Structure formats: structure tokens, C-alpha cells
PDB file of N, CA and C in Angstrom:
ATOM      1  N   UNK A   1      90.202 -33.594 109.017  1.00  0.00           N
ATOM      2  CA  UNK A   1      90.217 -34.761 108.108  1.00  0.00           C
ATOM      3  C   UNK A   1      88.637 -35.977 108.532  1.00  0.00           C
ATOM      4  N   UNK A   2      88.827 -35.732 110.163  1.00  0.00           N
ATOM      5  CA  UNK A   2      87.497 -36.155 110.223  1.00  0.00           C
ATOM      6  C   UNK A   2      86.351 -35.321 110.151  1.00  0.00           C
ATOM      7  N   UNK A   3      86.341 -34.096 110.530  1.00  0.00           N
ATOM      8  CA  UNK A   3      85.290 -33.415 109.914  1.00  0.00           C
ATOM      9  C   UNK A   3      84.778 -33.374 108.531  1.00  0.00           C
ATOM     10  N   UNK A   4      85.886 -33.588 107.611  1.00  0.00           N
ATOM     11  CA  UNK A   4      85.623 -33.785 105.949  1.00  0.00           C
ATOM     12  C   UNK A   4      84.963 -35.052 106.015  1.00  0.00           C
ATOM     13  N   UNK A   5      85.504 -36.259 106.704  1.00  0.00           N
ATOM     14  CA  UNK A   5      84.527 -37.705 106.523  1.00  0.00           C
ATOM     15  C   UNK A   5      83.380 -37.658 107.006  1.00  0.00           C
ATOM     16  N   UNK A   6      83.066 -36.880 108.328  1.00  0.00           N
ATOM     17  CA  UNK A   6      81.313 -36.815 108.601  1.00  0.00           C
ATOM     18  C   UNK A   6      80.636 -35.816 107.674  1.00  0.00           C
ATOM     19  N   UNK A   7      81.276 -34.672 107.094  1.00  0.00           N
ATOM     20  CA  UNK A   7      80.548 -34.124 106.213  1.00  0.00           C
ATOM     21  C   UNK A   7      80.121 -35.128 104.857  1.00  0.00           C
ATOM     22  N   UNK A   8      81.448 -35.681 104.575  1.00  0.00           N
ATOM     23  CA  UNK A   8      81.067 -36.695 103.176  1.00  0.00           C
ATOM     24  C   UNK A   8      80.076 -37.790 103.565  1.00  0.00           C
ATOM     25  N   UNK A   9      79.863 -38.115 104.842  1.00  0.00           N
ATOM     26  CA  UNK A   9      78.975 -39.176 105.239  1.00  0.00           C
ATOM     27  C   UNK A   9      77.635 -38.419 105.273  1.00  0.00           C
ATOM     28  N   UNK A  10      77.659 -37.444 105.574  1.00  0.00           N
ATOM     29  CA  UNK A  10      76.280 -36.659 105.692  1.00  0.00           C
ATOM     30  C   UNK A  10      75.544 -36.721 104.371  1.00  0.00           C
ATOM     31  N   UNK A  11      76.626 -36.123 103.514  1.00  0.00           N
ATOM     32  CA  UNK A  11      75.948 -35.640 102.489  1.00  0.00           C
ATOM     33  C   UNK A  11      75.687 -36.976 101.303  1.00  0.00           C
ATOM     34  N   UNK A  12      76.478 -37.997 101.535  1.00  0.00           N
ATOM     35  CA  UNK A  12      75.957 -39.405 100.817  1.00  0.00           C
ATOM     36  C   UNK A  12      74.612 -39.966 101.111  1.00  0.00           C
ATOM     37  N   UNK A  13      74.049 -39.364 102.421  1.00  0.00           N
ATOM     38  CA  UNK A  13      72.730 -40.284 102.643  1.00  0.00           C
ATOM     39  C   UNK A  13      72.695 -41.171 103.292  1.00  0.00           C
ATOM     40  N   UNK A  14      71.604 -41.729 104.062  1.00  0.00           N
ATOM     41  CA  UNK A  14      71.395 -42.957 104.219  1.00  0.00           C
ATOM     42  C   UNK A  14      71.989 -44.066 103.578  1.00  0.00           C
ATOM     43  N   UNK A  15      72.330 -44.976 104.425  1.00  0.00           N
ATOM     44  CA  UNK A  15      72.968 -46.252 103.820  1.00  0.00           C
ATOM     45  C   UNK A  15      71.837 -46.918 102.426  1.00  0.00           C
ATOM     46  N   UNK A  16      72.763 -47.372 101.709  1.00  0.00           N
ATOM     47  CA  UNK A  16      71.954 -47.685 100.435  1.00  0.00           C
ATOM     48  C   UNK A  16      71.285 -46.669  99.480  1.00  0.00           C
ATOM     49  N   UNK A  17      71.137 -45.787  99.698  1.00  0.00           N
ATOM     50  CA  UNK A  17      70.489 -44.489  99.180  1.00  0.00           C
ATOM     51  C   UNK A  17      71.495 -44.132  97.918  1.00  0.00           C
ATOM     52  N   UNK A  18      70.825 -43.909  96.723  1.00  0.00           N
ATOM     53  CA  UNK A  18      71.488 -43.932  95.370  1.00  0.00           C
ATOM     54  C   UNK A  18      71.132 -42.213  94.806  1.00  0.00           C
ATOM     55  N   UNK A  19      71.647 -41.837  94.357  1.00  0.00           N
ATOM     56  CA  UNK A  19      71.037 -40.932  93.272  1.00  0.00           C
ATOM     57  C   UNK A  19      70.220 -41.400  92.049  1.00  0.00           C
ATOM     58  N   UNK A  20      69.024 -40.614  91.650  1.00  0.00           N
ATOM     59  CA  UNK A  20      68.059 -41.203  90.823  1.00  0.00           C
ATOM     60  C   UNK A  20      68.825 -41.726  89.568  1.00  0.00           C
ATOM     61  N   UNK A  21      68.533 -42.633  89.165  1.00  0.00           N
ATOM     62  CA  UNK A  21      69.211 -42.960  87.590  1.00  0.00           C
ATOM     63  C   UNK A  21      68.656 -42.525  86.450  1.00  0.00           C
ATOM     64  N   UNK A  22      67.232 -41.879  86.568  1.00  0.00           N
ATOM     65  CA  UNK A  22      66.567 -41.757  85.482  1.00  0.00           C
ATOM     66  C   UNK A  22      65.715 -40.331  85.693  1.00  0.00           C
ATOM     67  N   UNK A  23      65.762 -39.080  84.931  1.00  0.00           N
ATOM     68  CA  UNK A  23      64.796 -38.152  85.071  1.00  0.00           C
ATOM     69  C   UNK A  23      63.515 -38.647  85.186  1.00  0.00           C
ATOM     70  N   UNK A  24      62.458 -37.587  85.821  1.00  0.00           N
ATOM     71  CA  UNK A  24      61.022 -38.281  85.844  1.00  0.00           C
ATOM     72  C   UNK A  24      60.665 -37.949  84.338  1.00  0.00           C
ATOM     73  N   UNK A  25      59.344 -38.339  84.180  1.00  0.00           N
ATOM     74  CA  UNK A  25      58.675 -38.415  82.777  1.00  0.00           C
ATOM     75  C   UNK A  25      58.589 -37.073  82.110  1.00  0.00           C
ATOM     76  N   UNK A  26      58.862 -36.696  81.395  1.00  0.00           N
ATOM     77  CA  UNK A  26      58.961 -35.677  80.586  1.00  0.00           C
ATOM     78  C   UNK A  26      60.416 -34.726  80.588  1.00  0.00           C
ATOM     79  N   UNK A  27      60.854 -35.077  81.554  1.00  0.00           N
ATOM     80  CA  UNK A  27      62.056 -33.932  81.895  1.00  0.00           C
ATOM     81  C   UNK A  27      63.302 -34.305  80.897  1.00  0.00           C
ATOM     82  N   UNK A  28      63.500 -35.529  80.604  1.00  0.00           N
ATOM     83  CA  UNK A  28      64.606 -35.793  79.315  1.00  0.00           C
ATOM     84  C   UNK A  28      64.007 -35.265  78.029  1.00  0.00           C
ATOM     85  N   UNK A  29      62.521 -35.326  77.670  1.00  0.00           N
ATOM     86  CA  UNK A  29      62.100 -34.962  76.800  1.00  0.00           C
ATOM     87  C   UNK A  29      61.896 -33.309  76.284  1.00  0.00           C
ATOM     88  N   UNK A  30      62.132 -32.531  77.481  1.00  0.00           N
ATOM     89  CA  UNK A  30      61.908 -31.193  77.603  1.00  0.00           C
ATOM     90  C   UNK A  30      63.657 -31.076  77.393  1.00  0.00           C
ATOM     91  N   UNK A  31      64.484 -31.671  78.239  1.00  0.00           N
ATOM     92  CA  UNK A  31      65.776 -31.310  77.899  1.00  0.00           C
ATOM     93  C   UNK A  31      66.147 -31.215  76.462  1.00  0.00           C
ATOM     94  N   UNK A  32      66.045 -32.498  75.909  1.00  0.00           N
ATOM     95  CA  UNK A  32      66.129 -32.785  74.573  1.00  0.00           C
ATOM     96  C   UNK A  32      65.649 -31.429  73.696  1.00  0.00           C
ATOM     97  N   UNK A  33      64.756 -31.249  73.716  1.00  0.00           N
ATOM     98  CA  UNK A  33      63.818 -30.226  72.908  1.00  0.00           C
ATOM     99  C   UNK A  33      64.450 -28.899  73.134  1.00  0.00           C
ATOM    100  N   UNK A  34      65.006 -28.593  74.298  1.00  0.00           N
ATOM    101  CA  UNK A  34      65.363 -26.959  74.331  1.00  0.00           C
ATOM    102  C   UNK A  34      67.135 -27.453  73.778  1.00  0.00           C
ATOM    103  N   UNK A  35      67.421 -28.494  73.827  1.00  0.00           N
ATOM    104  CA  UNK A  35      68.830 -28.421  73.295  1.00  0.00           C
ATOM    105  C   UNK A  35      69.029 -28.705  71.536  1.00  0.00           C
ATOM    106  N   UNK A  36      67.984 -29.216  71.396  1.00  0.00           N
ATOM    107  CA  UNK A  36      67.903 -29.156  69.721  1.00  0.00           C
ATOM    108  C   UNK A  36      67.216 -27.771  69.313  1.00  0.00           C
ATOM    109  N   UNK A  37      66.650 -26.981  70.154  1.00  0.00           N
ATOM    110  CA  UNK A  37      66.152 -25.584  69.573  1.00  0.00           C
ATOM    111  C   UNK A  37      67.012 -24.493  69.688  1.00  0.00           C
ATOM    112  N   UNK A  38      68.320 -24.820  70.172  1.00  0.00           N
ATOM    113  CA  UNK A  38      69.527 -24.200  70.219  1.00  0.00           C
ATOM    114  C   UNK A  38      70.320 -24.648  68.980  1.00  0.00           C
ATOM    115  N   UNK A  39      70.416 -25.654  68.904  1.00  0.00           N
ATOM    116  CA  UNK A  39      71.013 -26.589  67.740  1.00  0.00           C
ATOM    117  C   UNK A  39      70.594 -25.672  66.517  1.00  0.00           C
ATOM    118  N   UNK A  40      69.312 -25.590  66.594  1.00  0.00           N
ATOM    119  CA  UNK A  40      68.747 -25.516  65.398  1.00  0.00           C
ATOM    120  C   UNK A  40      68.090 -23.553  65.365  1.00  0.00           C
ATOM    121  N   UNK A  41      68.704 -23.233  66.344  1.00  0.00           N
ATOM    122  CA  UNK A  41      68.233 -21.669  66.194  1.00  0.00           C
ATOM    123  C   UNK A  41      66.770 -21.496  66.107  1.00  0.00           C
ATOM    124  N   UNK A  42      66.026 -22.167  66.670  1.00  0.00           N
ATOM    125  CA  UNK A  42      64.755 -22.263  66.678  1.00  0.00           C
ATOM    126  C   UNK A  42      63.993 -21.512  68.180  1.00  0.00           C
ATOM    127  N   UNK A  43      63.903 -20.224  68.163  1.00  0.00           N
ATOM    128  CA  UNK A  43      63.196 -19.394  69.431  1.00  0.00           C
ATOM    129  C   UNK A  43      62.003 -20.261  69.659  1.00  0.00           C
ATOM    130  N   UNK A  44      60.830 -20.114  68.528  1.00  0.00           N
ATOM    131  CA  UNK A  44      59.632 -20.533  69.006  1.00  0.00           C
ATOM    132  C   UNK A  44      59.763 -21.881  69.589  1.00  0.00           C
ATOM    133  N   UNK A  45      60.473 -22.627  69.373  1.00  0.00           N
ATOM    134  CA  UNK A  45      60.376 -24.068  69.727  1.00  0.00           C
ATOM    135  C   UNK A  45      61.027 -23.886  71.390  1.00  0.00           C
ATOM    136  N   UNK A  46      61.953 -23.147  71.548  1.00  0.00           N
ATOM    137  CA  UNK A  46      62.929 -22.853  72.531  1.00  0.00           C
ATOM    138  C   UNK A  46      61.666 -22.379  74.261  1.00  0.00           C
ATOM    139  N   UNK A  47      61.070 -21.338  73.666  1.00  0.00           N
ATOM    140  CA  UNK A  47      60.104 -20.968  74.796  1.00  0.00           C
ATOM    141  C   UNK A  47      58.685 -21.743  74.752  1.00  0.00           C
ATOM    142  N   UNK A  48      58.453 -22.801  73.843  1.00  0.00           N
ATOM    143  CA  UNK A  48      57.106 -23.351  73.647  1.00  0.00           C
ATOM    144  C   UNK A  48      56.295 -23.760  75.095  1.00  0.00           C
ATOM    145  N   UNK A  49      57.274 -24.156  75.539  1.00  0.00           N
ATOM    146  CA  UNK A  49      56.980 -24.987  76.711  1.00  0.00           C
ATOM    147  C   UNK A  49      57.351 -24.016  78.074  1.00  0.00           C
ATOM    148  N   UNK A  50      57.445 -22.915  78.166  1.00  0.00           N
ATOM    149  CA  UNK A  50      58.363 -21.986  79.087  1.00  0.00           C
ATOM    150  C   UNK A  50      56.945 -21.529  80.043  1.00  0.00           C
ATOM    151  N   UNK A  51      57.137 -21.099  81.297  1.00  0.00           N
ATOM    152  CA  UNK A  51      56.387 -20.175  81.786  1.00  0.00           C
ATOM    153  C   UNK A  51      56.432 -18.534  81.348  1.00  0.00           C
ATOM    154  N   UNK A  52      55.481 -17.846  81.715  1.00  0.00           N
ATOM    155  CA  UNK A  52      55.626 -16.655  81.168  1.00  0.00           C
ATOM    156  C   UNK A  52      56.424 -15.634  81.400  1.00  0.00           C
ATOM    157  N   UNK A  53      57.169 -16.213  82.560  1.00  0.00           N
ATOM    158  CA  UNK A  53      58.626 -15.529  82.899  1.00  0.00           C
ATOM    159  C   UNK A  53      59.934 -15.925  82.078  1.00  0.00           C
ATOM    160  N   UNK A  54      59.726 -17.448  81.660  1.00  0.00           N
ATOM    161  CA  UNK A  54      60.867 -17.743  80.737  1.00  0.00           C
ATOM    162  C   UNK A  54      60.475 -17.440  79.264  1.00  0.00           C
ATOM    163  N   UNK A  55      59.108 -17.064  79.083  1.00  0.00           N
ATOM    164  CA  UNK A  55      58.883 -16.632  77.731  1.00  0.00           C
ATOM    165  C   UNK A  55      59.224 -15.268  77.281  1.00  0.00           C
ATOM    166  N   UNK A  56      59.459 -14.570  78.444  1.00  0.00           N
ATOM    167  CA  UNK A  56      60.083 -13.268  78.363  1.00  0.00           C
ATOM    168  C   UNK A  56      61.602 -13.077  77.915  1.00  0.00           C
ATOM    169  N   UNK A  57      62.273 -14.254  77.402  1.00  0.00           N
ATOM    170  CA  UNK A  57      63.589 -14.026  77.122  1.00  0.00           C
ATOM    171  C   UNK A  57      63.309 -13.501  75.522  1.00  0.00           C
ATOM    172  N   UNK A  58      64.456 -12.729  75.095  1.00  0.00           N
ATOM    173  CA  UNK A  58      64.333 -11.954  74.168  1.00  0.00           C
ATOM    174  C   UNK A  58      64.785 -12.701  72.655  1.00  0.00           C
ATOM    175  N   UNK A  59      64.325 -12.828  71.885  1.00  0.00           N
ATOM    176  CA  UNK A  59      64.664 -13.466  70.609  1.00  0.00           C
ATOM    177  C   UNK A  59      66.014 -13.299  70.380  1.00  0.00           C
ATOM    178  N   UNK A  60      66.559 -12.045  70.655  1.00  0.00           N
ATOM    179  CA  UNK A  60      68.143 -11.591  70.184  1.00  0.00           C
ATOM    180  C   UNK A  60      68.652 -12.127  71.125  1.00  0.00           C
ATOM    181  N   UNK A  61      68.616 -12.535  72.621  1.00  0.00           N
ATOM    182  CA  UNK A  61      69.179 -13.111  73.476  1.00  0.00           C
ATOM    183  C   UNK A  61      69.464 -14.306  73.055  1.00  0.00           C
ATOM    184  N   UNK A  62      68.609 -14.960  72.911  1.00  0.00           N
ATOM    185  CA  UNK A  62      68.329 -16.453  72.864  1.00  0.00           C
ATOM    186  C   UNK A  62      69.319 -16.655  71.369  1.00  0.00           C
ATOM    187  N   UNK A  63      69.423 -15.810  70.194  1.00  0.00           N
ATOM    188  CA  UNK A  63      69.974 -16.231  68.850  1.00  0.00           C
ATOM    189  C   UNK A  63      71.308 -15.887  69.195  1.00  0.00           C
ATOM    190  N   UNK A  64      71.488 -15.027  69.848  1.00  0.00           N
ATOM    191  CA  UNK A  64      73.280 -14.772  70.290  1.00  0.00           C
ATOM    192  C   UNK A  64      73.960 -15.897  70.921  1.00  0.00           C
ATOM    193  N   UNK A  65      72.918 -16.633  72.020  1.00  0.00           N
ATOM    194  CA  UNK A  65      73.453 -17.431  72.800  1.00  0.00           C
ATOM    195  C   UNK A  65      73.303 -18.812  71.633  1.00  0.00           C
ATOM    196  N   UNK A  66      72.693 -18.691  71.063  1.00  0.00           N
ATOM    197  CA  UNK A  66      72.500 -20.267  69.818  1.00  0.00           C
ATOM    198  C   UNK A  66      73.951 -19.958  68.895  1.00  0.00           C
ATOM    199  N   UNK A  67      74.087 -18.926  68.443  1.00  0.00           N
ATOM    200  CA  UNK A  67      75.077 -18.385  67.582  1.00  0.00           C
ATOM    201  C   UNK A  67      76.544 -19.304  68.325  1.00  0.00           C
ATOM    202  N   UNK A  68      76.882 -18.806  69.216  1.00  0.00           N
ATOM    203  CA  UNK A  68      77.694 -19.657  70.412  1.00  0.00           C
ATOM    204  C   UNK A  68      77.772 -20.963  70.175  1.00  0.00           C
ATOM    205  N   UNK A  69      76.705 -21.498  70.720  1.00  0.00           N
ATOM    206  CA  UNK A  69      76.563 -22.951  71.197  1.00  0.00           C
ATOM    207  C   UNK A  69      76.134 -24.138  69.352  1.00  0.00           C
ATOM    208  N   UNK A  70      75.320 -23.359  68.827  1.00  0.00           N
ATOM    209  CA  UNK A  70      75.028 -24.463  67.722  1.00  0.00           C
ATOM    210  C   UNK A  70      76.087 -24.858  67.225  1.00  0.00           C
ATOM    211  N   UNK A  71      77.218 -24.584  66.419  1.00  0.00           N
ATOM    212  CA  UNK A  71      78.398 -25.413  65.960  1.00  0.00           C
ATOM    213  C   UNK A  71      79.210 -26.241  66.800  1.00  0.00           C
ATOM    214  N   UNK A  72      78.985 -25.811  68.017  1.00  0.00           N
ATOM    215  CA  UNK A  72      79.242 -27.008  69.176  1.00  0.00           C
ATOM    216  C   UNK A  72      78.301 -28.324  69.324  1.00  0.00           C
ATOM    217  N   UNK A  73      77.037 -27.868  69.292  1.00  0.00           N
ATOM    218  CA  UNK A  73      75.962 -28.710  69.477  1.00  0.00           C
ATOM    219  C   UNK A  73      75.713 -29.854  68.067  1.00  0.00           C
ATOM    220  N   UNK A  74      76.155 -29.024  66.999  1.00  0.00           N
ATOM    221  CA  UNK A  74      76.050 -30.043  65.568  1.00  0.00           C
ATOM    222  C   UNK A  74      77.286 -30.747  65.192  1.00  0.00           C
ATOM    223  N   UNK A  75      78.245 -30.286  66.105  1.00  0.00           N
ATOM    224  CA  UNK A  75      79.475 -31.445  65.785  1.00  0.00           C
ATOM    225  C   UNK A  75      79.081 -32.336  66.853  1.00  0.00           C
ATOM    226  N   UNK A  76      78.377 -32.508  67.826  1.00  0.00           N
ATOM    227  CA  UNK A  76      77.921 -33.867  68.547  1.00  0.00           C
ATOM    228  C   UNK A  76      78.066 -33.603  69.777  1.00  0.00           C
ATOM    229  N   UNK A  77      77.323 -33.592  70.581  1.00  0.00           N
ATOM    230  CA  UNK A  77      77.212 -33.768  72.157  1.00  0.00           C
ATOM    231  C   UNK A  77      76.714 -35.256  72.662  1.00  0.00           C
ATOM    232  N   UNK A  78      76.948 -35.339  74.185  1.00  0.00           N
ATOM    233  CA  UNK A  78      76.814 -36.898  74.715  1.00  0.00           C
ATOM    234  C   UNK A  78      75.893 -36.029  75.682  1.00  0.00           C
ATOM    235  N   UNK A  79      74.578 -36.065  76.208  1.00  0.00           N
ATOM    236  CA  UNK A  79      73.744 -35.542  77.393  1.00  0.00           C
ATOM    237  C   UNK A  79      74.057 -36.868  78.278  1.00  0.00           C
ATOM    238  N   UNK A  80      74.254 -36.438  79.460  1.00  0.00           N
ATOM    239  CA  UNK A  80      74.014 -37.198  80.746  1.00  0.00           C
ATOM    240  C   UNK A  80      73.149 -36.696  81.890  1.00  0.00           C
ATOM    241  N   UNK A  81      72.277 -37.396  82.368  1.00  0.00           N
ATOM    242  CA  UNK A  81      71.825 -37.080  83.319  1.00  0.00           C
ATOM    243  C   UNK A  81      72.252 -37.516  84.958  1.00  0.00           C
ATOM    244  N   UNK A  82      72.201 -36.161  85.579  1.00  0.00           N
ATOM    245  CA  UNK A  82      72.924 -36.318  86.906  1.00  0.00           C
ATOM    246  C   UNK A  82      72.159 -36.368  88.033  1.00  0.00           C
ATOM    247  N   UNK A  83      71.268 -35.900  88.152  1.00  0.00           N
ATOM    248  CA  UNK A  83      69.659 -36.280  89.287  1.00  0.00           C
ATOM    249  C   UNK A  83      69.151 -34.899  89.151  1.00  0.00           C
ATOM    250  N   UNK A  84      68.441 -34.564  90.568  1.00  0.00           N
ATOM    251  CA  UNK A  84      67.298 -33.536  90.572  1.00  0.00           C
ATOM    252  C   UNK A  84      67.599 -33.453  92.052  1.00  0.00           C
ATOM    253  N   UNK A  85      67.059 -31.963  92.253  1.00  0.00           N
ATOM    254  CA  UNK A  85      66.866 -30.937  93.336  1.00  0.00           C
ATOM    255  C   UNK A  85      65.559 -30.384  93.400  1.00  0.00           C
ATOM    256  N   UNK A  86      65.310 -29.860  94.635  1.00  0.00           N
ATOM    257  CA  UNK A  86      64.109 -29.097  94.600  1.00  0.00           C
ATOM    258  C   UNK A  86      64.484 -27.911  94.980  1.00  0.00           C
ATOM    259  N   UNK A  87      64.265 -27.012  94.312  1.00  0.00           N
ATOM    260  CA  UNK A  87      64.388 -25.554  95.096  1.00  0.00           C
ATOM    261  C   UNK A  87      63.329 -24.437  94.747  1.00  0.00           C
ATOM    262  N   UNK A  88      62.694 -23.706  95.606  1.00  0.00           N
ATOM    263  CA  UNK A  88      61.886 -22.497  95.427  1.00  0.00           C
ATOM    264  C   UNK A  88      60.511 -23.054  94.526  1.00  0.00           C
ATOM    265  N   UNK A  89      60.222 -24.096  94.912  1.00  0.00           N
ATOM    266  CA  UNK A  89      58.793 -24.938  94.295  1.00  0.00           C
ATOM    267  C   UNK A  89      59.359 -25.906  93.306  1.00  0.00           C
ATOM    268  N   UNK A  90      60.581 -25.350  92.389  1.00  0.00           N
ATOM    269  CA  UNK A  90      60.750 -26.098  90.971  1.00  0.00           C
ATOM    270  C   UNK A  90      61.983 -27.265  91.493  1.00  0.00           C
ATOM    271  N   UNK A  91      61.135 -28.501  90.236  1.00  0.00           N
ATOM    272  CA  UNK A  91      62.186 -29.382  90.398  1.00  0.00           C
ATOM    273  C   UNK A  91      63.136 -29.022  89.203  1.00  0.00           C
ATOM    274  N   UNK A  92      64.588 -28.968  89.492  1.00  0.00           N
ATOM    275  CA  UNK A  92      65.756 -28.853  88.920  1.00  0.00           C
ATOM    276  C   UNK A  92      66.319 -30.152  88.894  1.00  0.00           C
ATOM    277  N   UNK A  93      66.509 -30.387  87.442  1.00  0.00           N
ATOM    278  CA  UNK A  93      67.152 -31.679  87.039  1.00  0.00           C
ATOM    279  C   UNK A  93      68.671 -30.772  86.275  1.00  0.00           C
ATOM    280  N   UNK A  94      69.453 -31.983  86.538  1.00  0.00           N
ATOM    281  CA  UNK A  94      70.815 -31.383  86.591  1.00  0.00           C
ATOM    282  C   UNK A  94      71.267 -32.443  85.135  1.00  0.00           C
ATOM    283  N   UNK A  95      72.199 -31.925  84.091  1.00  0.00           N
ATOM    284  CA  UNK A  95      72.685 -32.459  83.160  1.00  0.00           C
ATOM    285  C   UNK A  95      74.223 -32.301  82.755  1.00  0.00           C
ATOM    286  N   UNK A  96      75.137 -33.085  82.189  1.00  0.00           N
ATOM    287  CA  UNK A  96      76.429 -32.923  81.916  1.00  0.00           C
ATOM    288  C   UNK A  96      76.412 -33.127  80.403  1.00  0.00           C
ATOM    289  N   UNK A  97      77.008 -32.223  79.666  1.00  0.00           N
ATOM    290  CA  UNK A  97      77.182 -32.090  78.546  1.00  0.00           C
ATOM    291  C   UNK A  97      78.322 -32.445  78.055  1.00  0.00           C
ATOM    292  N   UNK A  98      79.013 -33.434  77.015  1.00  0.00           N
ATOM    293  CA  UNK A  98      80.146 -33.229  76.697  1.00  0.00           C
ATOM    294  C   UNK A  98      80.389 -33.146  75.123  1.00  0.00           C
ATOM    295  N   UNK A  99      80.885 -32.134  74.791  1.00  0.00           N
ATOM    296  CA  UNK A  99      81.137 -32.190  73.356  1.00  0.00           C
ATOM    297  C   UNK A  99      82.204 -32.517  72.590  1.00  0.00           C
ATOM    298  N   UNK A 100      81.670 -33.216  71.430  1.00  0.00           N
ATOM    299  CA  UNK A 100      82.627 -34.035  70.689  1.00  0.00           C
ATOM    300  C   UNK A 100      83.648 -33.319  70.267  1.00  0.00           C
ATOM    301  N   UNK A 101      83.802 -31.780  70.403  1.00  0.00           N
ATOM    302  CA  UNK A 101      84.934 -31.036  69.714  1.00  0.00           C
ATOM    303  C   UNK A 101      86.206 -30.908  70.679  1.00  0.00           C
ATOM    304  N   UNK A 102      85.760 -31.698  71.933  1.00  0.00           N
ATOM    305  CA  UNK A 102      87.166 -31.490  72.927  1.00  0.00           C
ATOM    306  C   UNK A 102      87.394 -30.580  74.033  1.00  0.00           C
ATOM    307  N   UNK A 103      86.598 -29.656  73.505  1.00  0.00           N
ATOM    308  CA  UNK A 103      86.392 -28.631  74.295  1.00  0.00           C
ATOM    309  C   UNK A 103      85.987 -28.726  75.825  1.00  0.00           C
ATOM    310  N   UNK A 104      85.503 -27.854  76.717  1.00  0.00           N
ATOM    311  CA  UNK A 104      85.159 -28.150  77.950  1.00  0.00           C
ATOM    312  C   UNK A 104      83.703 -28.519  78.269  1.00  0.00           C
ATOM    313  N   UNK A 105      83.399 -29.507  79.308  1.00  0.00           N
ATOM    314  CA  UNK A 105      82.311 -29.553  79.070  1.00  0.00           C
ATOM    315  C   UNK A 105      81.518 -28.900  79.993  1.00  0.00           C
ATOM    316  N   UNK A 106      79.995 -28.888  79.836  1.00  0.00           N
ATOM    317  CA  UNK A 106      78.768 -28.105  80.381  1.00  0.00           C
ATOM    318  C   UNK A 106      78.026 -28.722  81.189  1.00  0.00           C
ATOM    319  N   UNK A 107      77.754 -27.821  82.341  1.00  0.00           N
ATOM    320  CA  UNK A 107      76.576 -28.510  83.179  1.00  0.00           C
ATOM    321  C   UNK A 107      75.390 -27.641  82.632  1.00  0.00           C
ATOM    322  N   UNK A 108      74.151 -28.523  82.492  1.00  0.00           N
ATOM    323  CA  UNK A 108      72.804 -27.792  82.649  1.00  0.00           C
ATOM    324  C   UNK A 108      71.923 -27.967  83.428  1.00  0.00           C
ATOM    325  N   UNK A 109      71.293 -26.952  83.862  1.00  0.00           N
ATOM    326  CA  UNK A 109      70.027 -27.119  85.123  1.00  0.00           C
ATOM    327  C   UNK A 109      68.920 -26.604  84.292  1.00  0.00           C
ATOM    328  N   UNK A 110      67.714 -27.742  84.269  1.00  0.00           N
ATOM    329  CA  UNK A 110      66.393 -27.229  83.786  1.00  0.00           C
ATOM    330  C   UNK A 110      65.645 -27.278  84.896  1.00  0.00           C
ATOM    331  N   UNK A 111      64.874 -26.143  85.323  1.00  0.00           N
ATOM    332  CA  UNK A 111      64.165 -26.067  86.367  1.00  0.00           C
ATOM    333  C   UNK A 111      62.534 -26.045  85.764  1.00  0.00           C
ATOM    334  N   UNK A 112      61.613 -27.012  86.367  1.00  0.00           N
ATOM    335  CA  UNK A 112      60.264 -27.229  85.877  1.00  0.00           C
ATOM    336  C   UNK A 112      59.475 -27.048  87.276  1.00  0.00           C
ATOM    337  N   UNK A 113      58.197 -26.485  87.066  1.00  0.00           N
ATOM    338  CA  UNK A 113      57.206 -26.546  87.692  1.00  0.00           C
ATOM    339  C   UNK A 113      55.872 -26.364  87.267  1.00  0.00           C
ATOM    340  N   UNK A 114      55.019 -27.342  87.549  1.00  0.00           N
ATOM    341  CA  UNK A 114      53.453 -27.436  87.046  1.00  0.00           C
ATOM    342  C   UNK A 114      53.707 -27.689  85.486  1.00  0.00           C
ATOM    343  N   UNK A 115      54.739 -28.282  85.123  1.00  0.00           N
ATOM    344  CA  UNK A 115      55.075 -28.673  83.571  1.00  0.00           C
ATOM    345  C   UNK A 115      55.247 -27.754  82.947  1.00  0.00           C
ATOM    346  N   UNK A 116      55.728 -26.854  83.667  1.00  0.00           N
ATOM    347  CA  UNK A 116      56.562 -25.593  82.411  1.00  0.00           C
ATOM    348  C   UNK A 116      57.715 -25.548  83.008  1.00  0.00           C
ATOM    349  N   UNK A 117      58.531 -24.714  81.578  1.00  0.00           N
ATOM    350  CA  UNK A 117      60.145 -24.380  82.170  1.00  0.00           C
ATOM    351  C   UNK A 117      59.919 -23.270  82.569  1.00  0.00           C
ATOM    352  N   UNK A 118      60.708 -23.148  83.732  1.00  0.00           N
ATOM    353  CA  UNK A 118      60.824 -21.566  84.475  1.00  0.00           C
ATOM    354  C   UNK A 118      62.325 -21.408  84.348  1.00  0.00           C
ATOM    355  N   UNK A 119      63.182 -22.356  83.962  1.00  0.00           N
ATOM    356  CA  UNK A 119      64.733 -21.681  83.762  1.00  0.00           C
ATOM    357  C   UNK A 119      65.641 -22.947  83.078  1.00  0.00           C
ATOM    358  N   UNK A 120      66.498 -22.503  82.168  1.00  0.00           N
ATOM    359  CA  UNK A 120      67.274 -23.565  81.448  1.00  0.00           C
ATOM    360  C   UNK A 120      68.419 -22.746  81.560  1.00  0.00           C
ATOM    361  N   UNK A 121      69.676 -23.326  82.072  1.00  0.00           N
ATOM    362  CA  UNK A 121      71.104 -22.441  82.108  1.00  0.00           C
ATOM    363  C   UNK A 121      72.098 -23.685  81.630  1.00  0.00           C
ATOM    364  N   UNK A 122      72.798 -23.264  80.883  1.00  0.00           N
ATOM    365  CA  UNK A 122      74.249 -23.795  80.712  1.00  0.00           C
ATOM    366  C   UNK A 122      75.103 -23.027  80.987  1.00  0.00           C
ATOM    367  N   UNK A 123      75.876 -23.817  81.748  1.00  0.00           N
ATOM    368  CA  UNK A 123      77.121 -23.426  82.908  1.00  0.00           C
ATOM    369  C   UNK A 123      78.300 -23.764  82.171  1.00  0.00           C
TER     370      UNK A 123
END
């Protein structure tokens, strides 16, 4: 039990430290644009702000994902910013999606480097 408390204290960080309440400028707009592109099955909009590696996503793979998620997005979602991480030179923001249809929530990770989307995953 003591070990758990120690680890929890280390994870909490210094006294008074709090997670970021707001995403960095542009991240919310990118996340919204990507979610809207899935809702509307708009492949061009989805890859528009991506790195060359991100733009290598095939239209078929995108449309398959959009076909699964678009109906749930159109029914309504609430998106909440969780915070950010730094990983391998990318700024990764974390977002929670609550679907109005009552199904399982989703975790979204958006990775950005030099103003370009390097990854966007819905878990």
C-alpha cells in the first residue's frame, strides 16, 4: 500500500501542479477538423494538414473507418481535452469522446510536429 501511495504521489507531480486546462493554440482546431472530416467522410480534409507519412493513409482505409464512426459522430459527440504528452519529438494531445448514442467512450490521440499531423488515433 505504501508503494502505491509513493507512486501515486510521484505521478501527481509537484505540489500545486495541475494538468493543462487548455490545448495549445491550433490543437483544438486540428482535432475538430479531423473529427469533422470523419463525420463527413471527407478524405481530402482528413489528410490536408498531415505530414507526408500521415498523408500516406489510403482513401480506402479512411473510408472504412469513416463508415464505422460517421453514424455515431452524426448522432452527437462531446469532446473533452485531457492533456498532452511529449513523445519522440511530437506533441501528443489526448481527448475523450463521449457518444450521445450511449455506447462506449473513445480516447483520441493527436500527434503534431512542426504544425503537421503525424498521427490521429481513436481508441
